[in-house]
Amino acid sequence: MELEELAGRFPRELSGGQQQRVALARALVRRSKLLLLDEPLSALDTQMRSRLQDFLLETHRSRGLSTILVSHDAREVGRLADRVIQLKDGKIEGTGLPGKRKIWKPGR
């Protein structure tokens, strides 16, 4: 998580991206079997985001986690997801596999 340099700082002294990394670390340290992530990497720069995507993938696989990820970033979803459920106005608009252009549409 690359948080070592933040050890002596108070939460109010952290940037939005640093706060996101701390929140993610706190969620992972609990070793739950289910991880709920809502835009977990949105405030991070591109390089940190890529490193944490790698970290999440490895953690997900090594722990056998079930993860629900909410994201507006299609590339991030494509990289992290095994299955995609697309929502619009609170309703399922379609489901499919990441990287596939065609998403199954309900009622078709």
PDB file of N, CA and C in Angstrom:
ATOM      1  N   MET A   1       0.819  -1.203   0.000  1.00  0.00           N
ATOM      2  CA  MET A   1       0.000   0.000   0.000  1.00  0.00           C
ATOM      3  C   MET A   1       0.862   1.266   0.000  1.00  0.00           C
ATOM      4  N   GLU A   2       2.134   1.106   0.261  1.00  0.00           N
ATOM      5  CA  GLU A   2       3.077   2.226   0.270  1.00  0.00           C
ATOM      6  C   GLU A   2       2.633   3.332   1.231  1.00  0.00           C
ATOM      7  N   LEU A   3       2.344   2.947   2.464  1.00  0.00           N
ATOM      8  CA  LEU A   3       1.854   3.882   3.472  1.00  0.00           C
ATOM      9  C   LEU A   3       2.884   4.201   4.552  1.00  0.00           C
ATOM     10  N   GLU A   4       4.059   3.621   4.476  1.00  0.00           N
ATOM     11  CA  GLU A   4       5.060   3.775   5.532  1.00  0.00           C
ATOM     12  C   GLU A   4       5.341   5.236   5.866  1.00  0.00           C
ATOM     13  N   GLU A   5       5.427   6.078   4.847  1.00  0.00           N
ATOM     14  CA  GLU A   5       5.762   7.485   5.071  1.00  0.00           C
ATOM     15  C   GLU A   5       4.655   8.260   5.781  1.00  0.00           C
ATOM     16  N   LEU A   6       3.476   7.656   5.933  1.00  0.00           N
ATOM     17  CA  LEU A   6       2.339   8.332   6.552  1.00  0.00           C
ATOM     18  C   LEU A   6       2.148   7.953   8.014  1.00  0.00           C
ATOM     19  N   ALA A   7       2.989   7.087   8.550  1.00  0.00           N
ATOM     20  CA  ALA A   7       2.786   6.493   9.871  1.00  0.00           C
ATOM     21  C   ALA A   7       2.571   7.515  10.984  1.00  0.00           C
ATOM     22  N   GLY A   8       3.256   8.630  10.967  1.00  0.00           N
ATOM     23  CA  GLY A   8       3.145   9.596  12.052  1.00  0.00           C
ATOM     24  C   GLY A   8       2.161  10.728  11.809  1.00  0.00           C
ATOM     25  N   ARG A   9       1.346  10.619  10.766  1.00  0.00           N
ATOM     26  CA  ARG A   9       0.452  11.722  10.401  1.00  0.00           C
ATOM     27  C   ARG A   9      -0.983  11.450  10.847  1.00  0.00           C
ATOM     28  N   PHE A  10      -1.701  12.515  11.085  1.00  0.00           N
ATOM     29  CA  PHE A  10      -3.113  12.430  11.448  1.00  0.00           C
ATOM     30  C   PHE A  10      -3.966  12.380  10.177  1.00  0.00           C
ATOM     31  N   PRO A  11      -5.160  11.778  10.265  1.00  0.00           N
ATOM     32  CA  PRO A  11      -6.031  11.686   9.080  1.00  0.00           C
ATOM     33  C   PRO A  11      -6.279  13.031   8.401  1.00  0.00           C
ATOM     34  N   ARG A  12      -6.422  14.093   9.170  1.00  0.00           N
ATOM     35  CA  ARG A  12      -6.696  15.416   8.575  1.00  0.00           C
ATOM     36  C   ARG A  12      -5.515  15.940   7.766  1.00  0.00           C
ATOM     37  N   GLU A  13      -4.349  15.348   7.952  1.00  0.00           N
ATOM     38  CA  GLU A  13      -3.145  15.770   7.241  1.00  0.00           C
ATOM     39  C   GLU A  13      -2.928  14.998   5.935  1.00  0.00           C
ATOM     40  N   LEU A  14      -3.806  14.039   5.647  1.00  0.00           N
ATOM     41  CA  LEU A  14      -3.636  13.184   4.469  1.00  0.00           C
ATOM     42  C   LEU A  14      -4.437  13.713   3.285  1.00  0.00           C
ATOM     43  N   SER A  15      -3.912  13.492   2.089  1.00  0.00           N
ATOM     44  CA  SER A  15      -4.646  13.844   0.872  1.00  0.00           C
ATOM     45  C   SER A  15      -5.786  12.847   0.668  1.00  0.00           C
ATOM     46  N   GLY A  16      -6.655  13.146  -0.279  1.00  0.00           N
ATOM     47  CA  GLY A  16      -7.760  12.227  -0.582  1.00  0.00           C
ATOM     48  C   GLY A  16      -7.266  10.857  -1.011  1.00  0.00           C
ATOM     49  N   GLY A  17      -6.237  10.822  -1.849  1.00  0.00           N
ATOM     50  CA  GLY A  17      -5.683   9.549  -2.303  1.00  0.00           C
ATOM     51  C   GLY A  17      -5.043   8.763  -1.170  1.00  0.00           C
ATOM     52  N   GLN A  18      -4.356   9.471  -0.273  1.00  0.00           N
ATOM     53  CA  GLN A  18      -3.749   8.805   0.882  1.00  0.00           C
ATOM     54  C   GLN A  18      -4.832   8.249   1.797  1.00  0.00           C
ATOM     55  N   GLN A  19      -5.900   9.000   1.990  1.00  0.00           N
ATOM     56  CA  GLN A  19      -7.012   8.516   2.809  1.00  0.00           C
ATOM     57  C   GLN A  19      -7.642   7.277   2.189  1.00  0.00           C
ATOM     58  N   GLN A  20      -7.750   7.249   0.859  1.00  0.00           N
ATOM     59  CA  GLN A  20      -8.291   6.068   0.181  1.00  0.00           C
ATOM     60  C   GLN A  20      -7.411   4.854   0.424  1.00  0.00           C
ATOM     61  N   ARG A  21      -6.090   5.028   0.348  1.00  0.00           N
ATOM     62  CA  ARG A  21      -5.166   3.917   0.562  1.00  0.00           C
ATOM     63  C   ARG A  21      -5.250   3.404   1.990  1.00  0.00           C
ATOM     64  N   VAL A  22      -5.378   4.309   2.954  1.00  0.00           N
ATOM     65  CA  VAL A  22      -5.528   3.901   4.355  1.00  0.00           C
ATOM     66  C   VAL A  22      -6.831   3.130   4.529  1.00  0.00           C
ATOM     67  N   ALA A  23      -7.916   3.614   3.954  1.00  0.00           N
ATOM     68  CA  ALA A  23      -9.210   2.933   4.068  1.00  0.00           C
ATOM     69  C   ALA A  23      -9.144   1.534   3.450  1.00  0.00           C
ATOM     70  N   LEU A  24      -8.479   1.409   2.308  1.00  0.00           N
ATOM     71  CA  LEU A  24      -8.336   0.103   1.666  1.00  0.00           C
ATOM     72  C   LEU A  24      -7.503  -0.836   2.531  1.00  0.00           C
ATOM     73  N   ALA A  25      -6.428  -0.333   3.090  1.00  0.00           N
ATOM     74  CA  ALA A  25      -5.590  -1.156   3.979  1.00  0.00           C
ATOM     75  C   ALA A  25      -6.388  -1.614   5.193  1.00  0.00           C
ATOM     76  N   ARG A  26      -7.178  -0.728   5.762  1.00  0.00           N
ATOM     77  CA  ARG A  26      -8.000  -1.096   6.927  1.00  0.00           C
ATOM     78  C   ARG A  26      -9.006  -2.187   6.561  1.00  0.00           C
ATOM     79  N   ALA A  27      -9.583  -2.098   5.382  1.00  0.00           N
ATOM     80  CA  ALA A  27     -10.545  -3.119   4.949  1.00  0.00           C
ATOM     81  C   ALA A  27      -9.857  -4.472   4.757  1.00  0.00           C
ATOM     82  N   LEU A  28      -8.654  -4.459   4.202  1.00  0.00           N
ATOM     83  CA  LEU A  28      -7.954  -5.713   3.913  1.00  0.00           C
ATOM     84  C   LEU A  28      -7.379  -6.368   5.159  1.00  0.00           C
ATOM     85  N   VAL A  29      -6.986  -5.585   6.145  1.00  0.00           N
ATOM     86  CA  VAL A  29      -6.368  -6.145   7.348  1.00  0.00           C
ATOM     87  C   VAL A  29      -7.364  -6.979   8.150  1.00  0.00           C
ATOM     88  N   ARG A  30      -8.640  -6.764   7.953  1.00  0.00           N
ATOM     89  CA  ARG A  30      -9.677  -7.522   8.665  1.00  0.00           C
ATOM     90  C   ARG A  30      -9.782  -8.963   8.175  1.00  0.00           C
ATOM     91  N   ARG A  31      -9.223  -9.235   6.987  1.00  0.00           N
ATOM     92  CA  ARG A  31      -9.238 -10.570   6.387  1.00  0.00           C
ATOM     93  C   ARG A  31     -10.646 -11.146   6.219  1.00  0.00           C
ATOM     94  N   SER A  32     -11.571 -10.293   5.847  1.00  0.00           N
ATOM     95  CA  SER A  32     -12.938 -10.738   5.565  1.00  0.00           C
ATOM     96  C   SER A  32     -12.947 -11.578   4.294  1.00  0.00           C
ATOM     97  N   LYS A  33     -13.997 -12.347   4.113  1.00  0.00           N
ATOM     98  CA  LYS A  33     -14.138 -13.150   2.900  1.00  0.00           C
ATOM     99  C   LYS A  33     -14.835 -12.367   1.786  1.00  0.00           C
ATOM    100  N   LEU A  34     -15.440 -11.246   2.143  1.00  0.00           N
ATOM    101  CA  LEU A  34     -16.132 -10.387   1.182  1.00  0.00           C
ATOM    102  C   LEU A  34     -15.572  -8.978   1.303  1.00  0.00           C
ATOM    103  N   LEU A  35     -15.233  -8.409   0.166  1.00  0.00           N
ATOM    104  CA  LEU A  35     -14.686  -7.057   0.124  1.00  0.00           C
ATOM    105  C   LEU A  35     -15.598  -6.208  -0.752  1.00  0.00           C
ATOM    106  N   LEU A  36     -16.104  -5.107  -0.200  1.00  0.00           N
ATOM    107  CA  LEU A  36     -16.960  -4.183  -0.944  1.00  0.00           C
ATOM    108  C   LEU A  36     -16.153  -2.925  -1.236  1.00  0.00           C
ATOM    109  N   LEU A  37     -15.980  -2.613  -2.503  1.00  0.00           N
ATOM    110  CA  LEU A  37     -15.156  -1.482  -2.921  1.00  0.00           C
ATOM    111  C   LEU A  37     -15.973  -0.530  -3.779  1.00  0.00           C
ATOM    112  N   ASP A  38     -16.074   0.716  -3.354  1.00  0.00           N
ATOM    113  CA  ASP A  38     -16.798   1.737  -4.099  1.00  0.00           C
ATOM    114  C   ASP A  38     -15.798   2.784  -4.571  1.00  0.00           C
ATOM    115  N   GLU A  39     -15.430   2.735  -5.841  1.00  0.00           N
ATOM    116  CA  GLU A  39     -14.449   3.650  -6.427  1.00  0.00           C
ATOM    117  C   GLU A  39     -13.188   3.722  -5.556  1.00  0.00           C
ATOM    118  N   PRO A  40     -12.581   2.569  -5.229  1.00  0.00           N
ATOM    119  CA  PRO A  40     -11.485   2.551  -4.248  1.00  0.00           C
ATOM    120  C   PRO A  40     -10.205   3.242  -4.696  1.00  0.00           C
ATOM    121  N   LEU A  41     -10.018   3.427  -5.989  1.00  0.00           N
ATOM    122  CA  LEU A  41      -8.755   3.976  -6.484  1.00  0.00           C
ATOM    123  C   LEU A  41      -8.953   5.292  -7.236  1.00  0.00           C
ATOM    124  N   SER A  42     -10.121   5.869  -7.153  1.00  0.00           N
ATOM    125  CA  SER A  42     -10.462   7.025  -7.997  1.00  0.00           C
ATOM    126  C   SER A  42      -9.615   8.268  -7.733  1.00  0.00           C
ATOM    127  N   ALA A  43      -9.111   8.463  -6.532  1.00  0.00           N
ATOM    128  CA  ALA A  43      -8.356   9.681  -6.217  1.00  0.00           C
ATOM    129  C   ALA A  43      -6.844   9.496  -6.361  1.00  0.00           C
ATOM    130  N   LEU A  44      -6.427   8.394  -6.963  1.00  0.00           N
ATOM    131  CA  LEU A  44      -4.999   8.086  -7.057  1.00  0.00           C
ATOM    132  C   LEU A  44      -4.440   8.445  -8.427  1.00  0.00           C
ATOM    133  N   ASP A  45      -3.147   8.739  -8.456  1.00  0.00           N
ATOM    134  CA  ASP A  45      -2.505   8.998  -9.743  1.00  0.00           C
ATOM    135  C   ASP A  45      -2.370   7.679 -10.508  1.00  0.00           C
ATOM    136  N   THR A  46      -2.093   7.764 -11.774  1.00  0.00           N
ATOM    137  CA  THR A  46      -2.088   6.605 -12.670  1.00  0.00           C
ATOM    138  C   THR A  46      -1.130   5.508 -12.212  1.00  0.00           C
ATOM    139  N   GLN A  47       0.079   5.886 -11.811  1.00  0.00           N
ATOM    140  CA  GLN A  47       1.066   4.879 -11.400  1.00  0.00           C
ATOM    141  C   GLN A  47       0.636   4.160 -10.129  1.00  0.00           C
ATOM    142  N   MET A  48       0.192   4.901  -9.120  1.00  0.00           N
ATOM    143  CA  MET A  48      -0.253   4.279  -7.866  1.00  0.00           C
ATOM    144  C   MET A  48      -1.481   3.425  -8.119  1.00  0.00           C
ATOM    145  N   ARG A  49      -2.368   3.915  -8.954  1.00  0.00           N
ATOM    146  CA  ARG A  49      -3.587   3.173  -9.282  1.00  0.00           C
ATOM    147  C   ARG A  49      -3.235   1.823  -9.899  1.00  0.00           C
ATOM    148  N   SER A  50      -2.296   1.806 -10.826  1.00  0.00           N
ATOM    149  CA  SER A  50      -1.873   0.565 -11.469  1.00  0.00           C
ATOM    150  C   SER A  50      -1.238  -0.398 -10.466  1.00  0.00           C
ATOM    151  N   ARG A  51      -0.386   0.127  -9.585  1.00  0.00           N
ATOM    152  CA  ARG A  51       0.250  -0.735  -8.579  1.00  0.00           C
ATOM    153  C   ARG A  51      -0.780  -1.327  -7.629  1.00  0.00           C
ATOM    154  N   LEU A  52      -1.767  -0.522  -7.224  1.00  0.00           N
ATOM    155  CA  LEU A  52      -2.779  -1.039  -6.316  1.00  0.00           C
ATOM    156  C   LEU A  52      -3.748  -1.983  -7.016  1.00  0.00           C
ATOM    157  N   GLN A  53      -3.977  -1.790  -8.310  1.00  0.00           N
ATOM    158  CA  GLN A  53      -4.774  -2.781  -9.053  1.00  0.00           C
ATOM    159  C   GLN A  53      -4.058  -4.127  -9.027  1.00  0.00           C
ATOM    160  N   ASP A  54      -2.746  -4.125  -9.265  1.00  0.00           N
ATOM    161  CA  ASP A  54      -1.963  -5.365  -9.183  1.00  0.00           C
ATOM    162  C   ASP A  54      -2.074  -5.979  -7.795  1.00  0.00           C
ATOM    163  N   PHE A  55      -1.936  -5.140  -6.772  1.00  0.00           N
ATOM    164  CA  PHE A  55      -2.025  -5.607  -5.395  1.00  0.00           C
ATOM    165  C   PHE A  55      -3.403  -6.216  -5.112  1.00  0.00           C
ATOM    166  N   LEU A  56      -4.462  -5.543  -5.552  1.00  0.00           N
ATOM    167  CA  LEU A  56      -5.816  -6.062  -5.345  1.00  0.00           C
ATOM    168  C   LEU A  56      -6.022  -7.398  -6.050  1.00  0.00           C
ATOM    169  N   LEU A  57      -5.537  -7.509  -7.275  1.00  0.00           N
ATOM    170  CA  LEU A  57      -5.656  -8.774  -8.003  1.00  0.00           C
ATOM    171  C   LEU A  57      -4.961  -9.905  -7.258  1.00  0.00           C
ATOM    172  N   GLU A  58      -3.742  -9.661  -6.811  1.00  0.00           N
ATOM    173  CA  GLU A  58      -2.991 -10.687  -6.085  1.00  0.00           C
ATOM    174  C   GLU A  58      -3.662 -11.036  -4.758  1.00  0.00           C
ATOM    175  N   THR A  59      -4.113 -10.027  -4.029  1.00  0.00           N
ATOM    176  CA  THR A  59      -4.785 -10.265  -2.748  1.00  0.00           C
ATOM    177  C   THR A  59      -6.081 -11.032  -2.965  1.00  0.00           C
ATOM    178  N   HIS A  60      -6.834 -10.648  -3.960  1.00  0.00           N
ATOM    179  CA  HIS A  60      -8.093 -11.321  -4.288  1.00  0.00           C
ATOM    180  C   HIS A  60      -7.850 -12.806  -4.563  1.00  0.00           C
ATOM    181  N   ARG A  61      -6.858 -13.102  -5.366  1.00  0.00           N
ATOM    182  CA  ARG A  61      -6.559 -14.494  -5.733  1.00  0.00           C
ATOM    183  C   ARG A  61      -5.975 -15.283  -4.569  1.00  0.00           C
ATOM    184  N   SER A  62      -5.027 -14.708  -3.856  1.00  0.00           N
ATOM    185  CA  SER A  62      -4.354 -15.453  -2.788  1.00  0.00           C
ATOM    186  C   SER A  62      -5.266 -15.725  -1.601  1.00  0.00           C
ATOM    187  N   ARG A  63      -6.207 -14.863  -1.344  1.00  0.00           N
ATOM    188  CA  ARG A  63      -7.119 -15.047  -0.208  1.00  0.00           C
ATOM    189  C   ARG A  63      -8.448 -15.681  -0.592  1.00  0.00           C
ATOM    190  N   GLY A  64      -8.695 -15.825  -1.875  1.00  0.00           N
ATOM    191  CA  GLY A  64      -9.981 -16.363  -2.311  1.00  0.00           C
ATOM    192  C   GLY A  64     -11.141 -15.448  -1.944  1.00  0.00           C
ATOM    193  N   LEU A  65     -10.914 -14.154  -2.031  1.00  0.00           N
ATOM    194  CA  LEU A  65     -11.929 -13.164  -1.681  1.00  0.00           C
ATOM    195  C   LEU A  65     -13.044 -13.093  -2.714  1.00  0.00           C
ATOM    196  N   SER A  66     -14.223 -12.839  -2.247  1.00  0.00           N
ATOM    197  CA  SER A  66     -15.299 -12.388  -3.119  1.00  0.00           C
ATOM    198  C   SER A  66     -15.295 -10.871  -3.018  1.00  0.00           C
ATOM    199  N   THR A  67     -15.317 -10.204  -4.152  1.00  0.00           N
ATOM    200  CA  THR A  67     -15.219  -8.747  -4.162  1.00  0.00           C
ATOM    201  C   THR A  67     -16.303  -8.156  -5.042  1.00  0.00           C
ATOM    202  N   ILE A  68     -16.947  -7.141  -4.527  1.00  0.00           N
ATOM    203  CA  ILE A  68     -17.890  -6.359  -5.322  1.00  0.00           C
ATOM    204  C   ILE A  68     -17.251  -4.994  -5.508  1.00  0.00           C
ATOM    205  N   LEU A  69     -17.024  -4.623  -6.756  1.00  0.00           N
ATOM    206  CA  LEU A  69     -16.350  -3.379  -7.106  1.00  0.00           C
ATOM    207  C   LEU A  69     -17.317  -2.476  -7.854  1.00  0.00           C
ATOM    208  N   VAL A  70     -17.481  -1.271  -7.373  1.00  0.00           N
ATOM    209  CA  VAL A  70     -18.271  -0.263  -8.070  1.00  0.00           C
ATOM    210  C   VAL A  70     -17.278   0.716  -8.678  1.00  0.00           C
ATOM    211  N   SER A  71     -17.377   0.925  -9.988  1.00  0.00           N
ATOM    212  CA  SER A  71     -16.462   1.839 -10.652  1.00  0.00           C
ATOM    213  C   SER A  71     -17.082   2.372 -11.930  1.00  0.00           C
ATOM    214  N   HIS A  72     -16.740   3.619 -12.250  1.00  0.00           N
ATOM    215  CA  HIS A  72     -17.135   4.207 -13.528  1.00  0.00           C
ATOM    216  C   HIS A  72     -16.014   4.057 -14.554  1.00  0.00           C
ATOM    217  N   ASP A  73     -14.885   3.520 -14.146  1.00  0.00           N
ATOM    218  CA  ASP A  73     -13.713   3.373 -15.005  1.00  0.00           C
ATOM    219  C   ASP A  73     -13.756   1.999 -15.683  1.00  0.00           C
ATOM    220  N   ALA A  74     -14.145   1.975 -16.949  1.00  0.00           N
ATOM    221  CA  ALA A  74     -14.305   0.713 -17.682  1.00  0.00           C
ATOM    222  C   ALA A  74     -12.988  -0.062 -17.773  1.00  0.00           C
ATOM    223  N   ARG A  75     -11.864   0.633 -17.912  1.00  0.00           N
ATOM    224  CA  ARG A  75     -10.567  -0.061 -17.977  1.00  0.00           C
ATOM    225  C   ARG A  75     -10.255  -0.754 -16.657  1.00  0.00           C
ATOM    226  N   GLU A  76     -10.560  -0.080 -15.554  1.00  0.00           N
ATOM    227  CA  GLU A  76     -10.320  -0.676 -14.244  1.00  0.00           C
ATOM    228  C   GLU A  76     -11.209  -1.903 -14.046  1.00  0.00           C
ATOM    229  N   VAL A  77     -12.464  -1.795 -14.416  1.00  0.00           N
ATOM    230  CA  VAL A  77     -13.384  -2.933 -14.314  1.00  0.00           C
ATOM    231  C   VAL A  77     -12.868  -4.079 -15.172  1.00  0.00           C
ATOM    232  N   GLY A  78     -12.443  -3.776 -16.395  1.00  0.00           N
ATOM    233  CA  GLY A  78     -11.916  -4.809 -17.283  1.00  0.00           C
ATOM    234  C   GLY A  78     -10.700  -5.513 -16.718  1.00  0.00           C
ATOM    235  N   ARG A  79      -9.901  -4.794 -15.984  1.00  0.00           N
ATOM    236  CA  ARG A  79      -8.685  -5.378 -15.408  1.00  0.00           C
ATOM    237  C   ARG A  79      -8.964  -6.169 -14.135  1.00  0.00           C
ATOM    238  N   LEU A  80      -9.910  -5.715 -13.321  1.00  0.00           N
ATOM    239  CA  LEU A  80     -10.117  -6.325 -12.010  1.00  0.00           C
ATOM    240  C   LEU A  80     -11.269  -7.326 -11.939  1.00  0.00           C
ATOM    241  N   ALA A  81     -12.205  -7.254 -12.856  1.00  0.00           N
ATOM    242  CA  ALA A  81     -13.434  -8.044 -12.710  1.00  0.00           C
ATOM    243  C   ALA A  81     -13.381  -9.380 -13.440  1.00  0.00           C
ATOM    244  N   ASP A  82     -14.079 -10.354 -12.868  1.00  0.00           N
ATOM    245  CA  ASP A  82     -14.319 -11.636 -13.527  1.00  0.00           C
ATOM    246  C   ASP A  82     -15.684 -11.631 -14.212  1.00  0.00           C
ATOM    247  N   ARG A  83     -16.563 -10.791 -13.708  1.00  0.00           N
ATOM    248  CA  ARG A  83     -17.922 -10.687 -14.213  1.00  0.00           C
ATOM    249  C   ARG A  83     -18.378  -9.240 -14.041  1.00  0.00           C
ATOM    250  N   VAL A  84     -19.172  -8.742 -14.980  1.00  0.00           N
ATOM    251  CA  VAL A  84     -19.619  -7.352 -14.947  1.00  0.00           C
ATOM    252  C   VAL A  84     -21.142  -7.313 -14.891  1.00  0.00           C
ATOM    253  N   ILE A  85     -21.644  -6.474 -14.013  1.00  0.00           N
ATOM    254  CA  ILE A  85     -23.076  -6.182 -13.973  1.00  0.00           C
ATOM    255  C   ILE A  85     -23.191  -4.675 -14.156  1.00  0.00           C
ATOM    256  N   GLN A  86     -23.831  -4.283 -15.223  1.00  0.00           N
ATOM    257  CA  GLN A  86     -23.971  -2.858 -15.543  1.00  0.00           C
ATOM    258  C   GLN A  86     -25.322  -2.369 -15.046  1.00  0.00           C
ATOM    259  N   LEU A  87     -25.288  -1.291 -14.258  1.00  0.00           N
ATOM    260  CA  LEU A  87     -26.507  -0.719 -13.700  1.00  0.00           C
ATOM    261  C   LEU A  87     -26.796   0.628 -14.334  1.00  0.00           C
ATOM    262  N   LYS A  88     -28.088   0.929 -14.452  1.00  0.00           N
ATOM    263  CA  LYS A  88     -28.518   2.258 -14.892  1.00  0.00           C
ATOM    264  C   LYS A  88     -29.789   2.594 -14.123  1.00  0.00           C
ATOM    265  N   ASP A  89     -29.768   3.733 -13.477  1.00  0.00           N
ATOM    266  CA  ASP A  89     -30.906   4.174 -12.667  1.00  0.00           C
ATOM    267  C   ASP A  89     -31.330   3.110 -11.653  1.00  0.00           C
ATOM    268  N   GLY A  90     -30.341   2.426 -11.068  1.00  0.00           N
ATOM    269  CA  GLY A  90     -30.611   1.440 -10.021  1.00  0.00           C
ATOM    270  C   GLY A  90     -31.120   0.100 -10.517  1.00  0.00           C
ATOM    271  N   LYS A  91     -31.148  -0.109 -11.825  1.00  0.00           N
ATOM    272  CA  LYS A  91     -31.637  -1.370 -12.388  1.00  0.00           C
ATOM    273  C   LYS A  91     -30.544  -2.016 -13.222  1.00  0.00           C
ATOM    274  N   ILE A  92     -30.548  -3.343 -13.256  1.00  0.00           N
ATOM    275  CA  ILE A  92     -29.567  -4.058 -14.071  1.00  0.00           C
ATOM    276  C   ILE A  92     -29.868  -3.811 -15.539  1.00  0.00           C
ATOM    277  N   GLU A  93     -28.887  -3.249 -16.220  1.00  0.00           N
ATOM    278  CA  GLU A  93     -29.021  -2.991 -17.651  1.00  0.00           C
ATOM    279  C   GLU A  93     -28.421  -4.130 -18.463  1.00  0.00           C
ATOM    280  N   GLY A  94     -27.460  -4.820 -17.897  1.00  0.00           N
ATOM    281  CA  GLY A  94     -26.850  -5.934 -18.603  1.00  0.00           C
ATOM    282  C   GLY A  94     -25.767  -6.586 -17.765  1.00  0.00           C
ATOM    283  N   THR A  95     -25.359  -7.773 -18.183  1.00  0.00           N
ATOM    284  CA  THR A  95     -24.272  -8.495 -17.527  1.00  0.00           C
ATOM    285  C   THR A  95     -23.375  -9.082 -18.598  1.00  0.00           C
ATOM    286  N   GLY A  96     -22.165  -9.399 -18.216  1.00  0.00           N
ATOM    287  CA  GLY A  96     -21.250  -9.993 -19.178  1.00  0.00           C
ATOM    288  C   GLY A  96     -19.889 -10.227 -18.572  1.00  0.00           C
ATOM    289  N   LEU A  97     -18.956 -10.538 -19.434  1.00  0.00           N
ATOM    290  CA  LEU A  97     -17.576 -10.773 -19.024  1.00  0.00           C
ATOM    291  C   LEU A  97     -16.743  -9.560 -19.381  1.00  0.00           C
ATOM    292  N   PRO A  98     -15.758  -9.219 -18.540  1.00  0.00           N
ATOM    293  CA  PRO A  98     -14.927  -8.058 -18.867  1.00  0.00           C
ATOM    294  C   PRO A  98     -14.174  -8.289 -20.167  1.00  0.00           C
ATOM    295  N   GLY A  99     -13.974  -7.219 -20.910  1.00  0.00           N
ATOM    296  CA  GLY A  99     -13.249  -7.306 -22.168  1.00  0.00           C
ATOM    297  C   GLY A  99     -14.114  -7.689 -23.351  1.00  0.00           C
ATOM    298  N   LYS A 100     -15.316  -8.104 -23.096  1.00  0.00           N
ATOM    299  CA  LYS A 100     -16.242  -8.440 -24.185  1.00  0.00           C
ATOM    300  C   LYS A 100     -17.067  -7.205 -24.505  1.00  0.00           C
ATOM    301  N   ARG A 101     -17.188  -6.907 -25.768  1.00  0.00           N
ATOM    302  CA  ARG A 101     -17.943  -5.714 -26.150  1.00  0.00           C
ATOM    303  C   ARG A 101     -19.443  -5.910 -25.951  1.00  0.00           C
ATOM    304  N   LYS A 102     -19.901  -7.132 -26.139  1.00  0.00           N
ATOM    305  CA  LYS A 102     -21.329  -7.377 -26.034  1.00  0.00           C
ATOM    306  C   LYS A 102     -21.707  -7.703 -24.599  1.00  0.00           C
ATOM    307  N   ILE A 103     -22.656  -6.980 -24.086  1.00  0.00           N
ATOM    308  CA  ILE A 103     -23.192  -7.211 -22.749  1.00  0.00           C
ATOM    309  C   ILE A 103     -24.610  -7.761 -22.921  1.00  0.00           C
ATOM    310  N   TRP A 104     -24.906  -8.827 -22.184  1.00  0.00           N
ATOM    311  CA  TRP A 104     -26.232  -9.411 -22.252  1.00  0.00           C
ATOM    312  C   TRP A 104     -27.239  -8.421 -21.718  1.00  0.00           C
ATOM    313  N   LYS A 105     -28.299  -8.234 -22.465  1.00  0.00           N
ATOM    314  CA  LYS A 105     -29.361  -7.318 -22.072  1.00  0.00           C
ATOM    315  C   LYS A 105     -30.562  -8.129 -21.602  1.00  0.00           C
ATOM    316  N   PRO A 106     -31.092  -7.838 -20.420  1.00  0.00           N
ATOM    317  CA  PRO A 106     -32.276  -8.548 -19.948  1.00  0.00           C
ATOM    318  C   PRO A 106     -33.425  -8.409 -20.943  1.00  0.00           C
ATOM    319  N   GLY A 107     -34.189  -9.456 -21.116  1.00  0.00           N
ATOM    320  CA  GLY A 107     -35.357  -9.426 -21.976  1.00  0.00           C
ATOM    321  C   GLY A 107     -35.049  -9.609 -23.452  1.00  0.00           C
ATOM    322  N   ARG A 108     -33.790  -9.939 -23.782  1.00  0.00           N
ATOM    323  CA  ARG A 108     -33.432 -10.164 -25.188  1.00  0.00           C
ATOM    324  C   ARG A 108     -33.043 -11.598 -25.389  1.00  0.00           C
TER     325      ARG A 108
END
